[in-house]
Amino acid sequence: MIAICPNPYRDTELNYTKRAVSLLSGAGFDSVVCPVFAENGDAVLPPDIEYGAIAELGKDCTLLIVIGGDGTILSVVRSLKGRSIPILGVNLGTKGFMTALEADEFDRILNVARGEYRLSERMMLDVSIERDGEVIYSDHALNDAVIHGYGECINITAFCNDDRMIGYSGDGVIVATPTGSTGYSMSAGGPIVEPEAAAFILTPICAHSIGAKPFVIGAQKQISVTTEKLHTRRAYLSVDGNSVLDLQSGDRMLIRRSSMQTLMARFGDKSFFEIAYEKL
């Protein structure tokens, strides 16, 4: 079984999705359509397609074809909740660093369905928030975990294990995976890291400090970030682009390497570096 996961705001009227169903059926593959972001309510979903849900996919699902962009892939990963199913991304978005195929290569999904791909293993983050010594929130991320102020500078102190790394006042901080290094972290001045590497990238956001620079840290370490002296200022936690929690003064974000990983199906001969230069 192959699941086709379209973003109906990118794949309007699910034209690419219908094409995928036809291609796979003609080659003898069973498929199910599991739309992404359809719960928003205003997406147009043609009535002549039978739909399923990513959360209900069983062990017989061997491949996810995600039609959209990087944000669509991130949403699919969250819906998988740790299940290791290879993901093939077809880019209908803008940059599409996580996607393997562009729209003009669409028919090559059949090559991937036949197993003609290599697996790219991507590390993920375990993210938790401690308040007064208790864990009040936990999550997982493929791209990044971000602490950000609501339009005001906030005080950030970051530690690697028990060693103080950096402290500053600024807009916030990003802790990214190598996969997420080409996202918000790069826009904030962080380094581009080969996505199959194992490391944390800590990138300050608009810091009011000449010494606040990005760090690349070994994935076996633990990163902690504390929000200090917020007083009347407000800050929030965002995980893979989802704003999930308002923070209080003294809250501590803990980041560890997750035991989960995301499997990306890669196709073609282009290296990550060739793709990065093309897209940037």
C-alpha atoms as a PDB file:
ATOM      1  CA  MET A   1       0.000   0.000   0.000  1.00  0.00           C
ATOM      2  CA  ILE A   2       1.275   3.444  -0.958  1.00  0.00           C
ATOM      3  CA  ALA A   3      -0.201   6.536   0.712  1.00  0.00           C
ATOM      4  CA  ILE A   4      -0.505   9.722  -1.342  1.00  0.00           C
ATOM      5  CA  CYS A   5      -0.469  12.762   0.945  1.00  0.00           C
ATOM      6  CA  PRO A   6      -1.345  15.949  -0.963  1.00  0.00           C
ATOM      7  CA  ASN A   7      -1.508  19.509   0.273  1.00  0.00           C
ATOM      8  CA  PRO A   8      -4.802  20.620  -1.347  1.00  0.00           C
ATOM      9  CA  TYR A   9      -3.664  24.253  -1.152  1.00  0.00           C
ATOM     10  CA  ARG A  10      -0.702  23.386  -3.407  1.00  0.00           C
ATOM     11  CA  ASP A  11      -2.230  20.558  -5.442  1.00  0.00           C
ATOM     12  CA  THR A  12      -5.384  22.439  -6.393  1.00  0.00           C
ATOM     13  CA  GLU A  13      -8.332  20.181  -7.188  1.00  0.00           C
ATOM     14  CA  LEU A  14      -5.881  17.329  -6.484  1.00  0.00           C
ATOM     15  CA  ASN A  15      -4.833  17.119 -10.111  1.00  0.00           C
ATOM     16  CA  TYR A  16      -1.387  15.699  -9.295  1.00  0.00           C
ATOM     17  CA  THR A  17      -2.959  13.346  -6.778  1.00  0.00           C
ATOM     18  CA  LYS A  18      -5.357  11.928  -9.358  1.00  0.00           C
ATOM     19  CA  ARG A  19      -2.421  11.481 -11.708  1.00  0.00           C
ATOM     20  CA  ALA A  20      -0.511   9.607  -8.999  1.00  0.00           C
ATOM     21  CA  VAL A  21      -3.459   7.296  -8.329  1.00  0.00           C
ATOM     22  CA  SER A  22      -3.728   6.549 -12.046  1.00  0.00           C
ATOM     23  CA  LEU A  23       0.009   5.911 -12.470  1.00  0.00           C
ATOM     24  CA  LEU A  24       0.234   3.646  -9.431  1.00  0.00           C
ATOM     25  CA  SER A  25      -2.933   1.732 -10.285  1.00  0.00           C
ATOM     26  CA  GLY A  26      -1.740   1.187 -13.841  1.00  0.00           C
ATOM     27  CA  ALA A  27       1.508  -0.274 -12.489  1.00  0.00           C
ATOM     28  CA  GLY A  28      -0.335  -2.621 -10.117  1.00  0.00           C
ATOM     29  CA  PHE A  29       0.107  -0.694  -6.837  1.00  0.00           C
ATOM     30  CA  ASP A  30      -2.673  -0.158  -4.307  1.00  0.00           C
ATOM     31  CA  SER A  31      -2.905   3.393  -2.977  1.00  0.00           C
ATOM     32  CA  VAL A  32      -4.877   5.540  -0.565  1.00  0.00           C
ATOM     33  CA  VAL A  33      -5.197   9.339  -0.526  1.00  0.00           C
ATOM     34  CA  CYS A  34      -4.535  11.004   2.850  1.00  0.00           C
ATOM     35  CA  PRO A  35      -4.861  14.803   2.487  1.00  0.00           C
ATOM     36  CA  VAL A  36      -2.751  17.114   4.654  1.00  0.00           C
ATOM     37  CA  PHE A  37      -4.183  20.328   6.199  1.00  0.00           C
ATOM     38  CA  ALA A  38      -7.676  19.281   5.060  1.00  0.00           C
ATOM     39  CA  GLU A  39      -8.919  19.716   8.638  1.00  0.00           C
ATOM     40  CA  ASN A  40      -8.743  23.482   8.101  1.00  0.00           C
ATOM     41  CA  GLY A  41     -12.134  23.130   6.439  1.00  0.00           C
ATOM     42  CA  ASP A  42     -11.819  25.315   3.356  1.00  0.00           C
ATOM     43  CA  ALA A  43      -9.746  22.961   1.202  1.00  0.00           C
ATOM     44  CA  VAL A  44     -11.350  21.710  -1.995  1.00  0.00           C
ATOM     45  CA  LEU A  45     -11.439  17.890  -1.946  1.00  0.00           C
ATOM     46  CA  PRO A  46     -13.029  16.308  -5.043  1.00  0.00           C
ATOM     47  CA  PRO A  47     -15.811  13.857  -4.071  1.00  0.00           C
ATOM     48  CA  ASP A  48     -14.732  11.191  -6.550  1.00  0.00           C
ATOM     49  CA  ILE A  49     -11.728  10.117  -4.440  1.00  0.00           C
ATOM     50  CA  GLU A  50     -11.771   7.749  -1.463  1.00  0.00           C
ATOM     51  CA  TYR A  51      -9.850   9.305   1.414  1.00  0.00           C
ATOM     52  CA  GLY A  52      -7.994   7.936   4.410  1.00  0.00           C
ATOM     53  CA  ALA A  53      -5.987   9.355   7.334  1.00  0.00           C
ATOM     54  CA  ILE A  54      -2.243   9.193   7.942  1.00  0.00           C
ATOM     55  CA  ALA A  55      -2.796   8.262  11.583  1.00  0.00           C
ATOM     56  CA  GLU A  56      -4.781   5.189  10.505  1.00  0.00           C
ATOM     57  CA  LEU A  57      -2.182   3.768   8.108  1.00  0.00           C
ATOM     58  CA  GLY A  58      -1.184   0.211   8.970  1.00  0.00           C
ATOM     59  CA  LYS A  59       2.006  -1.793   8.674  1.00  0.00           C
ATOM     60  CA  ASP A  60       1.173  -2.602   5.049  1.00  0.00           C
ATOM     61  CA  CYS A  61       1.967   1.007   4.074  1.00  0.00           C
ATOM     62  CA  THR A  62       5.437   0.948   2.497  1.00  0.00           C
ATOM     63  CA  LEU A  63       5.785   4.484   1.096  1.00  0.00           C
ATOM     64  CA  LEU A  64       4.342   7.975   1.558  1.00  0.00           C
ATOM     65  CA  ILE A  65       4.251  10.242  -1.491  1.00  0.00           C
ATOM     66  CA  VAL A  66       3.917  13.775  -0.142  1.00  0.00           C
ATOM     67  CA  ILE A  67       2.751  16.315  -2.725  1.00  0.00           C
ATOM     68  CA  GLY A  68       3.395  19.869  -1.577  1.00  0.00           C
ATOM     69  CA  GLY A  69       6.526  21.309   0.004  1.00  0.00           C
ATOM     70  CA  ASP A  70       8.670  21.142   3.125  1.00  0.00           C
ATOM     71  CA  GLY A  71       5.823  22.329   5.367  1.00  0.00           C
ATOM     72  CA  THR A  72       3.638  19.517   4.080  1.00  0.00           C
ATOM     73  CA  ILE A  73       6.355  16.968   4.857  1.00  0.00           C
ATOM     74  CA  LEU A  74       6.742  18.355   8.382  1.00  0.00           C
ATOM     75  CA  SER A  75       3.005  17.980   8.954  1.00  0.00           C
ATOM     76  CA  VAL A  76       3.094  14.373   7.686  1.00  0.00           C
ATOM     77  CA  VAL A  77       6.006  13.539   9.999  1.00  0.00           C
ATOM     78  CA  ARG A  78       4.042  14.863  12.982  1.00  0.00           C
ATOM     79  CA  SER A  79       1.060  12.724  11.982  1.00  0.00           C
ATOM     80  CA  LEU A  80       3.229   9.595  11.748  1.00  0.00           C
ATOM     81  CA  LYS A  81       4.042   9.847  15.475  1.00  0.00           C
ATOM     82  CA  GLY A  82       7.315   7.971  15.188  1.00  0.00           C
ATOM     83  CA  ARG A  83       6.371   5.313  12.631  1.00  0.00           C
ATOM     84  CA  SER A  84       9.220   4.716  10.181  1.00  0.00           C
ATOM     85  CA  ILE A  85       7.696   4.860   6.699  1.00  0.00           C
ATOM     86  CA  PRO A  86       9.852   6.234   3.854  1.00  0.00           C
ATOM     87  CA  ILE A  87       8.697   9.627   2.571  1.00  0.00           C
ATOM     88  CA  LEU A  88       9.036  10.761  -1.032  1.00  0.00           C
ATOM     89  CA  GLY A  89       8.480  14.489  -1.404  1.00  0.00           C
ATOM     90  CA  VAL A  90       7.248  16.073  -4.647  1.00  0.00           C
ATOM     91  CA  ASN A  91       7.852  19.808  -4.604  1.00  0.00           C
ATOM     92  CA  LEU A  92       4.914  22.070  -5.427  1.00  0.00           C
ATOM     93  CA  GLY A  93       6.110  24.668  -2.932  1.00  0.00           C
ATOM     94  CA  THR A  94       8.991  27.147  -3.028  1.00  0.00           C
ATOM     95  CA  LYS A  95      12.402  25.821  -1.930  1.00  0.00           C
ATOM     96  CA  GLY A  96      11.544  22.206  -1.160  1.00  0.00           C
ATOM     97  CA  PHE A  97      14.849  21.133   0.400  1.00  0.00           C
ATOM     98  CA  MET A  98      13.285  17.961   1.761  1.00  0.00           C
ATOM     99  CA  THR A  99      11.600  16.953  -1.478  1.00  0.00           C
ATOM    100  CA  ALA A 100      13.251  14.550  -3.924  1.00  0.00           C
ATOM    101  CA  LEU A 101      11.291  15.363  -7.099  1.00  0.00           C
ATOM    102  CA  GLU A 102      10.132  18.529  -8.814  1.00  0.00           C
ATOM    103  CA  ALA A 103       6.730  18.776 -10.498  1.00  0.00           C
ATOM    104  CA  ASP A 104       8.213  18.210 -13.969  1.00  0.00           C
ATOM    105  CA  GLU A 105       9.647  14.879 -12.742  1.00  0.00           C
ATOM    106  CA  PHE A 106       6.330  13.647 -11.382  1.00  0.00           C
ATOM    107  CA  ASP A 107       6.124  10.405 -13.365  1.00  0.00           C
ATOM    108  CA  ARG A 108       9.301   9.199 -11.666  1.00  0.00           C
ATOM    109  CA  ILE A 109       7.243   8.370  -8.598  1.00  0.00           C
ATOM    110  CA  LEU A 110       6.823   4.989 -10.302  1.00  0.00           C
ATOM    111  CA  ASN A 111      10.565   4.377 -10.072  1.00  0.00           C
ATOM    112  CA  VAL A 112      10.411   5.042  -6.348  1.00  0.00           C
ATOM    113  CA  ALA A 113       7.299   2.866  -5.949  1.00  0.00           C
ATOM    114  CA  ARG A 114       9.305   0.034  -7.501  1.00  0.00           C
ATOM    115  CA  GLY A 115      11.993   0.471  -4.858  1.00  0.00           C
ATOM    116  CA  GLU A 116      14.476   2.406  -6.979  1.00  0.00           C
ATOM    117  CA  TYR A 117      15.576   4.812  -4.264  1.00  0.00           C
ATOM    118  CA  ARG A 118      17.984   5.115  -1.375  1.00  0.00           C
ATOM    119  CA  LEU A 119      17.017   5.888   2.199  1.00  0.00           C
ATOM    120  CA  SER A 120      18.213   9.083   3.819  1.00  0.00           C
ATOM    121  CA  GLU A 121      18.041   8.787   7.611  1.00  0.00           C
ATOM    122  CA  ARG A 122      17.340  12.089   9.374  1.00  0.00           C
ATOM    123  CA  MET A 123      17.832  12.675  13.082  1.00  0.00           C
ATOM    124  CA  MET A 124      15.016  14.211  15.105  1.00  0.00           C
ATOM    125  CA  LEU A 125      14.773  16.175  18.356  1.00  0.00           C
ATOM    126  CA  ASP A 126      13.079  15.321  21.611  1.00  0.00           C
ATOM    127  CA  VAL A 127      11.803  18.646  22.946  1.00  0.00           C
ATOM    128  CA  SER A 128      10.494  19.267  26.459  1.00  0.00           C
ATOM    129  CA  ILE A 129       9.664  22.292  28.607  1.00  0.00           C
ATOM    130  CA  GLU A 130      10.346  22.292  32.349  1.00  0.00           C
ATOM    131  CA  ARG A 131       8.538  24.706  34.665  1.00  0.00           C
ATOM    132  CA  ASP A 132       9.340  24.742  38.383  1.00  0.00           C
ATOM    133  CA  GLY A 133      11.132  21.417  38.012  1.00  0.00           C
ATOM    134  CA  GLU A 134       8.271  19.621  36.257  1.00  0.00           C
ATOM    135  CA  VAL A 135       7.929  18.700  32.592  1.00  0.00           C
ATOM    136  CA  ILE A 136       4.806  20.479  31.323  1.00  0.00           C
ATOM    137  CA  TYR A 137       5.208  19.771  27.612  1.00  0.00           C
ATOM    138  CA  SER A 138       7.040  17.287  25.369  1.00  0.00           C
ATOM    139  CA  ASP A 139       7.221  16.912  21.616  1.00  0.00           C
ATOM    140  CA  HIS A 140       9.385  15.772  18.697  1.00  0.00           C
ATOM    141  CA  ALA A 141      10.814  17.782  15.806  1.00  0.00           C
ATOM    142  CA  LEU A 142      12.373  17.035  12.444  1.00  0.00           C
ATOM    143  CA  ASN A 143      13.315  20.644  11.666  1.00  0.00           C
ATOM    144  CA  ASP A 144      13.648  22.778  14.762  1.00  0.00           C
ATOM    145  CA  ALA A 145      12.441  24.027  18.119  1.00  0.00           C
ATOM    146  CA  VAL A 146      12.234  27.811  18.477  1.00  0.00           C
ATOM    147  CA  ILE A 147      11.779  30.147  21.429  1.00  0.00           C
ATOM    148  CA  HIS A 148      10.629  33.557  20.242  1.00  0.00           C
ATOM    149  CA  GLY A 149       9.405  36.759  21.806  1.00  0.00           C
ATOM    150  CA  TYR A 150       6.074  38.323  20.901  1.00  0.00           C
ATOM    151  CA  GLY A 151       7.616  41.337  19.144  1.00  0.00           C
ATOM    152  CA  GLU A 152       9.896  42.178  22.101  1.00  0.00           C
ATOM    153  CA  CYS A 153      13.452  41.273  23.062  1.00  0.00           C
ATOM    154  CA  ILE A 154      13.732  38.446  25.588  1.00  0.00           C
ATOM    155  CA  ASN A 155      16.646  37.198  27.686  1.00  0.00           C
ATOM    156  CA  ILE A 156      18.045  33.821  26.650  1.00  0.00           C
ATOM    157  CA  THR A 157      20.685  31.647  28.318  1.00  0.00           C
ATOM    158  CA  ALA A 158      21.784  28.405  26.641  1.00  0.00           C
ATOM    159  CA  PHE A 159      23.751  25.482  28.078  1.00  0.00           C
ATOM    160  CA  CYS A 160      25.433  22.428  26.566  1.00  0.00           C
ATOM    161  CA  ASN A 161      25.089  19.731  29.218  1.00  0.00           C
ATOM    162  CA  ASP A 162      25.939  21.836  32.309  1.00  0.00           C
ATOM    163  CA  ASP A 163      28.272  24.257  30.557  1.00  0.00           C
ATOM    164  CA  ARG A 164      27.001  27.757  29.847  1.00  0.00           C
ATOM    165  CA  MET A 165      27.300  28.445  26.115  1.00  0.00           C
ATOM    166  CA  ILE A 166      25.795  31.859  25.589  1.00  0.00           C
ATOM    167  CA  GLY A 167      23.531  34.494  27.118  1.00  0.00           C
ATOM    168  CA  TYR A 168      21.988  37.487  25.382  1.00  0.00           C
ATOM    169  CA  SER A 169      18.934  39.639  24.815  1.00  0.00           C
ATOM    170  CA  GLY A 170      17.270  39.232  21.426  1.00  0.00           C
ATOM    171  CA  ASP A 171      14.274  37.981  19.499  1.00  0.00           C
ATOM    172  CA  GLY A 172      14.849  34.358  20.471  1.00  0.00           C
ATOM    173  CA  VAL A 173      16.794  31.207  19.665  1.00  0.00           C
ATOM    174  CA  ILE A 174      16.557  28.290  17.207  1.00  0.00           C
ATOM    175  CA  VAL A 175      17.766  24.769  17.919  1.00  0.00           C
ATOM    176  CA  ALA A 176      17.737  22.920  14.610  1.00  0.00           C
ATOM    177  CA  THR A 177      18.617  19.526  13.212  1.00  0.00           C
ATOM    178  CA  PRO A 178      20.826  19.249  10.110  1.00  0.00           C
ATOM    179  CA  THR A 179      17.600  18.817   8.102  1.00  0.00           C
ATOM    180  CA  GLY A 180      16.309  22.077   9.588  1.00  0.00           C
ATOM    181  CA  SER A 181      19.577  23.938   9.001  1.00  0.00           C
ATOM    182  CA  THR A 182      18.306  25.173   5.605  1.00  0.00           C
ATOM    183  CA  GLY A 183      15.137  26.625   7.142  1.00  0.00           C
ATOM    184  CA  TYR A 184      14.663  29.365   9.731  1.00  0.00           C
ATOM    185  CA  SER A 185      18.142  28.725  11.158  1.00  0.00           C
ATOM    186  CA  MET A 186      19.834  29.593   7.855  1.00  0.00           C
ATOM    187  CA  SER A 187      17.685  32.729   7.492  1.00  0.00           C
ATOM    188  CA  ALA A 188      18.852  33.797  10.965  1.00  0.00           C
ATOM    189  CA  GLY A 189      22.518  33.396   9.999  1.00  0.00           C
ATOM    190  CA  GLY A 190      23.092  29.750  10.947  1.00  0.00           C
ATOM    191  CA  PRO A 191      25.290  27.337   8.960  1.00  0.00           C
ATOM    192  CA  ILE A 192      24.091  24.907   6.306  1.00  0.00           C
ATOM    193  CA  VAL A 193      24.706  21.361   7.560  1.00  0.00           C
ATOM    194  CA  GLU A 194      24.578  18.197   5.460  1.00  0.00           C
ATOM    195  CA  PRO A 195      21.176  16.703   6.362  1.00  0.00           C
ATOM    196  CA  GLU A 196      22.359  13.163   7.159  1.00  0.00           C
ATOM    197  CA  ALA A 197      24.817  14.476   9.747  1.00  0.00           C
ATOM    198  CA  ALA A 198      24.162  14.148  13.489  1.00  0.00           C
ATOM    199  CA  ALA A 199      24.368  17.492  15.261  1.00  0.00           C
ATOM    200  CA  PHE A 200      22.425  20.297  16.894  1.00  0.00           C
ATOM    201  CA  ILE A 201      22.594  23.814  15.432  1.00  0.00           C
ATOM    202  CA  LEU A 202      21.930  26.588  17.944  1.00  0.00           C
ATOM    203  CA  THR A 203      21.274  29.920  16.222  1.00  0.00           C
ATOM    204  CA  PRO A 204      20.485  33.192  18.034  1.00  0.00           C
ATOM    205  CA  ILE A 205      17.743  35.321  16.455  1.00  0.00           C
ATOM    206  CA  CYS A 206      18.585  39.040  16.145  1.00  0.00           C
ATOM    207  CA  ALA A 207      20.738  39.056  19.269  1.00  0.00           C
ATOM    208  CA  HIS A 208      21.729  42.348  20.939  1.00  0.00           C
ATOM    209  CA  SER A 209      25.242  41.038  21.428  1.00  0.00           C
ATOM    210  CA  ILE A 210      28.262  41.147  19.150  1.00  0.00           C
ATOM    211  CA  GLY A 211      29.401  37.803  20.574  1.00  0.00           C
ATOM    212  CA  ALA A 212      26.170  35.868  19.965  1.00  0.00           C
ATOM    213  CA  LYS A 213      27.152  33.450  17.201  1.00  0.00           C
ATOM    214  CA  PRO A 214      25.702  30.103  16.020  1.00  0.00           C
ATOM    215  CA  PHE A 215      27.018  26.851  17.502  1.00  0.00           C
ATOM    216  CA  VAL A 216      27.170  23.353  16.043  1.00  0.00           C
ATOM    217  CA  ILE A 217      27.030  20.778  18.854  1.00  0.00           C
ATOM    218  CA  GLY A 218      27.450  17.009  18.898  1.00  0.00           C
ATOM    219  CA  ALA A 219      24.178  15.095  18.907  1.00  0.00           C
ATOM    220  CA  GLN A 220      25.180  13.089  21.993  1.00  0.00           C
ATOM    221  CA  LYS A 221      24.953  16.244  24.129  1.00  0.00           C
ATOM    222  CA  GLN A 222      21.925  17.838  25.812  1.00  0.00           C
ATOM    223  CA  ILE A 223      20.985  21.434  25.047  1.00  0.00           C
ATOM    224  CA  SER A 224      19.013  23.526  27.500  1.00  0.00           C
ATOM    225  CA  VAL A 225      17.693  27.047  26.988  1.00  0.00           C
ATOM    226  CA  THR A 226      16.193  29.204  29.742  1.00  0.00           C
ATOM    227  CA  THR A 227      13.930  32.227  29.306  1.00  0.00           C
ATOM    228  CA  GLU A 228      14.902  34.762  31.977  1.00  0.00           C
ATOM    229  CA  LYS A 229      13.408  37.951  33.384  1.00  0.00           C
ATOM    230  CA  LEU A 230      10.417  38.043  31.045  1.00  0.00           C
ATOM    231  CA  HIS A 231       8.382  40.135  33.510  1.00  0.00           C
ATOM    232  CA  THR A 232       5.613  41.665  31.335  1.00  0.00           C
ATOM    233  CA  ARG A 233       7.183  40.430  28.104  1.00  0.00           C
ATOM    234  CA  ARG A 234       5.833  37.330  26.381  1.00  0.00           C
ATOM    235  CA  ALA A 235       7.519  34.410  24.646  1.00  0.00           C
ATOM    236  CA  TYR A 236       6.380  31.195  23.026  1.00  0.00           C
ATOM    237  CA  LEU A 237       7.673  27.811  21.900  1.00  0.00           C
ATOM    238  CA  SER A 238       7.320  26.737  18.271  1.00  0.00           C
ATOM    239  CA  VAL A 239       8.062  23.160  17.171  1.00  0.00           C
ATOM    240  CA  ASP A 240       8.472  22.548  13.432  1.00  0.00           C
ATOM    241  CA  GLY A 241       6.607  25.770  12.699  1.00  0.00           C
ATOM    242  CA  ASN A 242       3.717  25.055  15.065  1.00  0.00           C
ATOM    243  CA  SER A 243       3.255  27.584  17.884  1.00  0.00           C
ATOM    244  CA  VAL A 244       2.440  25.275  20.744  1.00  0.00           C
ATOM    245  CA  LEU A 245       3.070  26.884  24.131  1.00  0.00           C
ATOM    246  CA  ASP A 246       3.292  30.284  25.830  1.00  0.00           C
ATOM    247  CA  LEU A 247       6.347  30.451  28.089  1.00  0.00           C
ATOM    248  CA  GLN A 248       6.937  31.973  31.502  1.00  0.00           C
ATOM    249  CA  SER A 249      10.028  33.489  33.067  1.00  0.00           C
ATOM    250  CA  GLY A 250      12.394  30.705  34.144  1.00  0.00           C
ATOM    251  CA  ASP A 251      10.961  28.040  31.831  1.00  0.00           C
ATOM    252  CA  ARG A 252      13.640  25.696  30.520  1.00  0.00           C
ATOM    253  CA  MET A 253      13.631  24.025  27.087  1.00  0.00           C
ATOM    254  CA  LEU A 254      15.504  20.711  26.980  1.00  0.00           C
ATOM    255  CA  ILE A 255      16.703  19.281  23.666  1.00  0.00           C
ATOM    256  CA  ARG A 256      18.028  15.752  23.191  1.00  0.00           C
ATOM    257  CA  ARG A 257      18.549  13.564  20.163  1.00  0.00           C
ATOM    258  CA  SER A 258      15.412  11.489  19.655  1.00  0.00           C
ATOM    259  CA  SER A 259      15.395   7.725  19.332  1.00  0.00           C
ATOM    260  CA  MET A 260      13.001   8.314  16.424  1.00  0.00           C
ATOM    261  CA  GLN A 261      14.180   9.213  12.959  1.00  0.00           C
ATOM    262  CA  THR A 262      12.585  10.238   9.686  1.00  0.00           C
ATOM    263  CA  LEU A 263      13.238   8.198   6.544  1.00  0.00           C
ATOM    264  CA  MET A 264      13.386  10.174   3.308  1.00  0.00           C
ATOM    265  CA  ALA A 265      13.342   8.425  -0.074  1.00  0.00           C
ATOM    266  CA  ARG A 266      16.022  10.005  -2.256  1.00  0.00           C
ATOM    267  CA  PHE A 267      16.070   9.637  -6.018  1.00  0.00           C
ATOM    268  CA  GLY A 268      18.524  10.755  -8.672  1.00  0.00           C
ATOM    269  CA  ASP A 269      22.229  11.521  -8.817  1.00  0.00           C
ATOM    270  CA  LYS A 270      22.308  15.097  -7.503  1.00  0.00           C
ATOM    271  CA  SER A 271      24.132  15.629  -4.228  1.00  0.00           C
ATOM    272  CA  PHE A 272      22.737  17.745  -1.402  1.00  0.00           C
ATOM    273  CA  PHE A 273      25.287  20.426  -2.258  1.00  0.00           C
ATOM    274  CA  GLU A 274      24.177  20.635  -5.905  1.00  0.00           C
ATOM    275  CA  ILE A 275      20.554  20.878  -4.767  1.00  0.00           C
ATOM    276  CA  ALA A 276      21.413  23.578  -2.207  1.00  0.00           C
ATOM    277  CA  TYR A 277      23.181  25.729  -4.792  1.00  0.00           C
ATOM    278  CA  GLU A 278      20.276  25.348  -7.212  1.00  0.00           C
ATOM    279  CA  LYS A 279      17.635  26.276  -4.647  1.00  0.00           C
ATOM    280  CA  LEU A 280      19.575  29.116  -3.047  1.00  0.00           C
END
